[in-house]
Amino acid sequence: MLVDEPQPIDLDRDSPRRRYAQDDTVVELRAGRLTISQSGKRVVDRRIPAAWRGRSYDSRSADLTCHNDEFLASAFVVPHARMVVLDIAYHGTDTCWEPTDELHVVSW
């Protein structure tokens, strides 16, 4: 059972750092590192897998290199199951479209 969507602490979707809090759980994705704290104790601290990272590619039509950096769009905490569902999204521009968001589950 998923609980209600948490209230984002940082409301700017284009922020390079995203942080979500729900009850006593805080989820943060910053500089390619995921941290989850519960009741003030860090329960997850790891680099995100390469498959979650944004992509860089050459756009021949625009003659530039596109970078689609990842960020935490939202997080859904299931505290009794010690689990978080993460919505990882990617930055884009009019020239370099962003990939579709991806959902990932992290448990501890």
N, C-alpha and C. Protein backbone atom coordinates (compact mmCIF):
# COMPACT_ATOMS: atom_id res chain seq x y z
N MET A 1 0.84 -1.17 0.00
CA MET A 1 0.00 0.00 0.00
C MET A 1 0.89 1.24 0.00
N LEU A 2 0.65 2.13 -0.93
CA LEU A 2 1.40 3.38 -0.98
C LEU A 2 0.65 4.44 -0.19
N VAL A 3 1.40 5.27 0.45
CA VAL A 3 0.80 6.36 1.22
C VAL A 3 0.67 7.59 0.34
N ASP A 4 0.04 8.62 0.84
CA ASP A 4 -0.13 9.86 0.07
C ASP A 4 1.21 10.41 -0.37
N GLU A 5 1.17 11.15 -1.47
CA GLU A 5 2.38 11.77 -1.99
C GLU A 5 2.94 12.75 -0.98
N PRO A 6 4.24 12.72 -0.72
CA PRO A 6 4.84 13.64 0.24
C PRO A 6 4.86 15.06 -0.30
N GLN A 7 4.99 15.99 0.59
CA GLN A 7 5.13 17.38 0.20
C GLN A 7 6.59 17.65 -0.10
N PRO A 8 6.90 18.15 -1.30
CA PRO A 8 8.30 18.44 -1.62
C PRO A 8 8.81 19.61 -0.79
N ILE A 9 10.03 19.48 -0.32
CA ILE A 9 10.67 20.58 0.39
C ILE A 9 11.16 21.61 -0.61
N ASP A 10 11.69 21.13 -1.73
CA ASP A 10 12.20 21.99 -2.79
C ASP A 10 11.19 21.94 -3.93
N LEU A 11 10.47 23.01 -4.16
CA LEU A 11 9.37 23.00 -5.13
C LEU A 11 9.81 23.25 -6.56
N ASP A 12 11.05 23.60 -6.81
CA ASP A 12 11.53 23.91 -8.15
C ASP A 12 11.90 22.62 -8.87
N ARG A 13 11.09 22.19 -9.86
CA ARG A 13 11.33 20.94 -10.58
C ARG A 13 12.68 20.96 -11.31
N ASP A 14 13.17 22.14 -11.65
CA ASP A 14 14.44 22.23 -12.37
C ASP A 14 15.65 22.33 -11.44
N SER A 15 15.44 22.17 -10.16
CA SER A 15 16.54 22.26 -9.21
C SER A 15 17.50 21.07 -9.40
N PRO A 16 18.81 21.30 -9.29
CA PRO A 16 19.76 20.19 -9.42
C PRO A 16 19.72 19.25 -8.22
N ARG A 17 19.06 19.64 -7.15
CA ARG A 17 18.97 18.81 -5.96
C ARG A 17 17.51 18.67 -5.57
N ARG A 18 17.07 17.48 -5.34
CA ARG A 18 15.69 17.26 -4.94
C ARG A 18 15.67 16.55 -3.60
N ARG A 19 14.75 17.00 -2.77
CA ARG A 19 14.65 16.46 -1.42
C ARG A 19 13.18 16.34 -1.07
N TYR A 20 12.76 15.16 -0.61
CA TYR A 20 11.39 14.93 -0.21
C TYR A 20 11.35 14.42 1.22
N ALA A 21 10.34 14.84 1.93
CA ALA A 21 10.16 14.40 3.31
C ALA A 21 8.73 13.92 3.49
N GLN A 22 8.59 12.83 4.20
CA GLN A 22 7.28 12.31 4.55
C GLN A 22 7.38 11.71 5.94
N ASP A 23 6.57 12.22 6.86
CA ASP A 23 6.64 11.79 8.25
C ASP A 23 8.07 11.93 8.74
N ASP A 24 8.72 10.83 9.12
CA ASP A 24 10.09 10.92 9.63
C ASP A 24 11.11 10.41 8.62
N THR A 25 10.72 10.31 7.34
CA THR A 25 11.63 9.82 6.30
C THR A 25 11.98 10.95 5.34
N VAL A 26 13.28 11.11 5.06
CA VAL A 26 13.77 12.12 4.13
C VAL A 26 14.53 11.41 3.01
N VAL A 27 14.18 11.74 1.77
CA VAL A 27 14.81 11.15 0.58
C VAL A 27 15.48 12.28 -0.19
N GLU A 28 16.76 12.07 -0.56
CA GLU A 28 17.49 13.11 -1.27
C GLU A 28 18.35 12.50 -2.36
N LEU A 29 18.34 13.14 -3.53
CA LEU A 29 19.20 12.76 -4.64
C LEU A 29 20.02 13.99 -5.01
N ARG A 30 21.33 13.89 -4.81
CA ARG A 30 22.22 15.02 -5.07
C ARG A 30 23.54 14.50 -5.61
N ALA A 31 23.97 15.09 -6.72
CA ALA A 31 25.27 14.77 -7.31
C ALA A 31 25.45 13.27 -7.51
N GLY A 32 24.41 12.61 -8.01
CA GLY A 32 24.51 11.19 -8.31
C GLY A 32 24.49 10.28 -7.09
N ARG A 33 24.12 10.81 -5.95
CA ARG A 33 24.11 10.03 -4.70
C ARG A 33 22.70 10.07 -4.09
N LEU A 34 22.20 8.89 -3.68
CA LEU A 34 20.90 8.76 -3.04
C LEU A 34 21.09 8.54 -1.56
N THR A 35 20.40 9.35 -0.75
CA THR A 35 20.41 9.14 0.69
C THR A 35 18.96 9.10 1.17
N ILE A 36 18.72 8.18 2.10
CA ILE A 36 17.42 8.06 2.75
C ILE A 36 17.67 8.01 4.24
N SER A 37 16.98 8.88 4.97
CA SER A 37 17.10 8.91 6.43
C SER A 37 15.73 8.67 7.03
N GLN A 38 15.73 7.93 8.13
CA GLN A 38 14.49 7.65 8.85
C GLN A 38 14.73 7.94 10.32
N SER A 39 13.89 8.78 10.90
CA SER A 39 14.03 9.21 12.29
C SER A 39 15.43 9.76 12.57
N GLY A 40 15.98 10.50 11.60
CA GLY A 40 17.29 11.11 11.77
C GLY A 40 18.47 10.18 11.54
N LYS A 41 18.21 8.89 11.29
CA LYS A 41 19.28 7.92 11.04
C LYS A 41 19.35 7.60 9.56
N ARG A 42 20.55 7.70 8.98
CA ARG A 42 20.73 7.41 7.56
C ARG A 42 20.64 5.89 7.36
N VAL A 43 19.67 5.46 6.54
CA VAL A 43 19.48 4.03 6.30
C VAL A 43 19.95 3.61 4.91
N VAL A 44 20.06 4.57 3.98
CA VAL A 44 20.60 4.31 2.64
C VAL A 44 21.52 5.46 2.29
N ASP A 45 22.70 5.12 1.80
CA ASP A 45 23.66 6.12 1.31
C ASP A 45 24.47 5.44 0.23
N ARG A 46 24.11 5.70 -1.03
CA ARG A 46 24.78 5.00 -2.13
C ARG A 46 24.76 5.83 -3.40
N ARG A 47 25.74 5.57 -4.25
CA ARG A 47 25.73 6.16 -5.58
C ARG A 47 24.62 5.50 -6.37
N ILE A 48 23.95 6.28 -7.19
CA ILE A 48 22.90 5.66 -7.99
C ILE A 48 23.54 4.83 -9.11
N PRO A 49 22.88 3.76 -9.53
CA PRO A 49 23.43 2.92 -10.59
C PRO A 49 23.57 3.69 -11.91
N ALA A 50 24.51 3.29 -12.72
CA ALA A 50 24.75 3.95 -14.01
C ALA A 50 23.49 3.97 -14.87
N ALA A 51 22.67 2.94 -14.78
CA ALA A 51 21.44 2.86 -15.59
C ALA A 51 20.44 3.95 -15.21
N TRP A 52 20.54 4.51 -14.02
CA TRP A 52 19.63 5.58 -13.58
C TRP A 52 20.12 6.95 -14.03
N ARG A 53 21.39 7.04 -14.41
CA ARG A 53 21.99 8.33 -14.73
C ARG A 53 21.46 8.88 -16.04
N GLY A 54 21.47 10.21 -16.15
CA GLY A 54 21.07 10.86 -17.40
C GLY A 54 22.07 10.54 -18.50
N ARG A 55 21.62 10.69 -19.70
CA ARG A 55 22.45 10.36 -20.85
C ARG A 55 23.04 11.62 -21.47
N SER A 56 24.17 11.46 -22.12
CA SER A 56 24.77 12.50 -22.96
C SER A 56 24.89 11.92 -24.35
N TYR A 57 24.57 12.72 -25.35
CA TYR A 57 24.66 12.24 -26.73
C TYR A 57 24.86 13.43 -27.66
N ASP A 58 25.39 13.15 -28.84
CA ASP A 58 25.61 14.18 -29.84
C ASP A 58 24.35 14.33 -30.68
N SER A 59 23.90 15.56 -30.84
CA SER A 59 22.76 15.87 -31.70
C SER A 59 23.32 16.46 -32.99
N ARG A 60 23.36 15.65 -34.03
CA ARG A 60 23.95 16.10 -35.30
C ARG A 60 23.12 17.21 -35.92
N SER A 61 21.79 17.13 -35.77
CA SER A 61 20.94 18.15 -36.39
C SER A 61 21.14 19.52 -35.74
N ALA A 62 21.41 19.54 -34.43
CA ALA A 62 21.62 20.81 -33.72
C ALA A 62 23.09 21.15 -33.56
N ASP A 63 23.97 20.23 -33.94
CA ASP A 63 25.41 20.42 -33.82
C ASP A 63 25.82 20.77 -32.39
N LEU A 64 25.36 19.95 -31.44
CA LEU A 64 25.73 20.14 -30.04
C LEU A 64 25.65 18.81 -29.30
N THR A 65 26.19 18.81 -28.10
CA THR A 65 26.11 17.63 -27.23
C THR A 65 25.01 17.87 -26.22
N CYS A 66 24.08 16.92 -26.13
CA CYS A 66 22.96 17.04 -25.21
C CYS A 66 23.29 16.30 -23.91
N HIS A 67 22.92 16.90 -22.79
CA HIS A 67 23.08 16.29 -21.48
C HIS A 67 21.71 16.26 -20.81
N ASN A 68 21.26 15.07 -20.43
CA ASN A 68 19.97 14.92 -19.74
C ASN A 68 20.24 14.48 -18.32
N ASP A 69 20.62 15.43 -17.46
CA ASP A 69 20.92 15.10 -16.07
C ASP A 69 19.67 14.63 -15.33
N GLU A 70 19.85 13.70 -14.41
CA GLU A 70 18.75 13.13 -13.64
C GLU A 70 18.44 13.99 -12.42
N PHE A 71 17.18 13.88 -11.95
CA PHE A 71 16.79 14.51 -10.69
C PHE A 71 15.62 13.73 -10.11
N LEU A 72 15.38 13.93 -8.84
CA LEU A 72 14.31 13.24 -8.14
C LEU A 72 13.02 14.03 -8.32
N ALA A 73 12.11 13.51 -9.15
CA ALA A 73 10.85 14.20 -9.42
C ALA A 73 9.87 14.01 -8.27
N SER A 74 9.86 12.82 -7.68
CA SER A 74 9.00 12.56 -6.52
C SER A 74 9.45 11.28 -5.83
N ALA A 75 8.95 11.09 -4.63
CA ALA A 75 9.28 9.90 -3.85
C ALA A 75 8.04 9.50 -3.05
N PHE A 76 7.79 8.20 -2.97
CA PHE A 76 6.66 7.66 -2.22
C PHE A 76 7.21 6.69 -1.18
N VAL A 77 6.97 6.99 0.06
CA VAL A 77 7.56 6.23 1.16
C VAL A 77 6.55 5.24 1.72
N VAL A 78 7.01 4.00 1.94
CA VAL A 78 6.21 2.98 2.61
C VAL A 78 7.00 2.58 3.85
N PRO A 79 6.85 3.33 4.96
CA PRO A 79 7.73 3.16 6.11
C PRO A 79 7.66 1.77 6.75
N HIS A 80 6.47 1.19 6.87
CA HIS A 80 6.38 -0.12 7.52
C HIS A 80 7.03 -1.23 6.69
N ALA A 81 7.16 -1.02 5.37
CA ALA A 81 7.83 -1.99 4.51
C ALA A 81 9.29 -1.63 4.28
N ARG A 82 9.73 -0.50 4.86
CA ARG A 82 11.10 0.00 4.67
C ARG A 82 11.44 0.06 3.18
N MET A 83 10.60 0.82 2.47
CA MET A 83 10.71 0.88 1.01
C MET A 83 10.33 2.27 0.53
N VAL A 84 11.00 2.71 -0.55
CA VAL A 84 10.69 3.98 -1.20
C VAL A 84 10.59 3.73 -2.70
N VAL A 85 9.56 4.29 -3.32
CA VAL A 85 9.43 4.28 -4.77
C VAL A 85 9.88 5.65 -5.25
N LEU A 86 10.88 5.66 -6.13
CA LEU A 86 11.47 6.91 -6.63
C LEU A 86 11.04 7.15 -8.06
N ASP A 87 10.69 8.38 -8.36
CA ASP A 87 10.42 8.80 -9.74
C ASP A 87 11.63 9.63 -10.17
N ILE A 88 12.50 9.01 -10.96
CA ILE A 88 13.70 9.69 -11.46
C ILE A 88 13.35 10.30 -12.81
N ALA A 89 13.52 11.62 -12.92
CA ALA A 89 13.23 12.34 -14.15
C ALA A 89 14.53 12.91 -14.71
N TYR A 90 14.44 13.48 -15.91
CA TYR A 90 15.62 13.96 -16.60
C TYR A 90 15.37 15.35 -17.16
N HIS A 91 16.40 16.20 -17.08
CA HIS A 91 16.30 17.54 -17.65
C HIS A 91 16.36 17.47 -19.17
N GLY A 92 15.76 18.43 -19.81
CA GLY A 92 15.80 18.52 -21.26
C GLY A 92 15.64 19.97 -21.69
N THR A 93 15.75 20.21 -22.98
CA THR A 93 15.55 21.54 -23.54
C THR A 93 14.71 21.38 -24.80
N ASP A 94 14.42 22.49 -25.46
CA ASP A 94 13.68 22.41 -26.72
C ASP A 94 14.47 21.65 -27.78
N THR A 95 15.78 21.73 -27.72
CA THR A 95 16.63 21.05 -28.69
C THR A 95 16.95 19.63 -28.25
N CYS A 96 17.17 19.43 -26.96
CA CYS A 96 17.54 18.12 -26.42
C CYS A 96 16.40 17.62 -25.52
N TRP A 97 15.50 16.88 -26.09
CA TRP A 97 14.35 16.42 -25.32
C TRP A 97 14.77 15.44 -24.25
N GLU A 98 14.07 15.50 -23.12
CA GLU A 98 14.39 14.62 -22.00
C GLU A 98 13.76 13.24 -22.19
N PRO A 99 14.43 12.20 -21.69
CA PRO A 99 13.84 10.86 -21.70
C PRO A 99 12.64 10.80 -20.75
N THR A 100 11.85 9.77 -20.86
CA THR A 100 10.72 9.54 -19.98
C THR A 100 11.20 9.24 -18.57
N ASP A 101 10.44 9.69 -17.56
CA ASP A 101 10.75 9.37 -16.16
C ASP A 101 10.82 7.86 -15.97
N GLU A 102 11.56 7.44 -14.94
CA GLU A 102 11.66 6.02 -14.60
C GLU A 102 11.34 5.84 -13.13
N LEU A 103 10.63 4.77 -12.80
CA LEU A 103 10.32 4.44 -11.42
C LEU A 103 11.30 3.38 -10.93
N HIS A 104 11.79 3.54 -9.72
CA HIS A 104 12.72 2.59 -9.10
C HIS A 104 12.30 2.37 -7.66
N VAL A 105 12.52 1.17 -7.16
CA VAL A 105 12.19 0.83 -5.77
C VAL A 105 13.49 0.59 -5.02
N VAL A 106 13.60 1.22 -3.85
CA VAL A 106 14.76 1.02 -2.99
C VAL A 106 14.23 0.56 -1.63
N SER A 107 14.82 -0.50 -1.12
CA SER A 107 14.42 -0.98 0.22
C SER A 107 15.67 -1.15 1.07
N TRP A 108 15.46 -1.24 2.37
CA TRP A 108 16.58 -1.40 3.30
C TRP A 108 16.19 -2.28 4.44
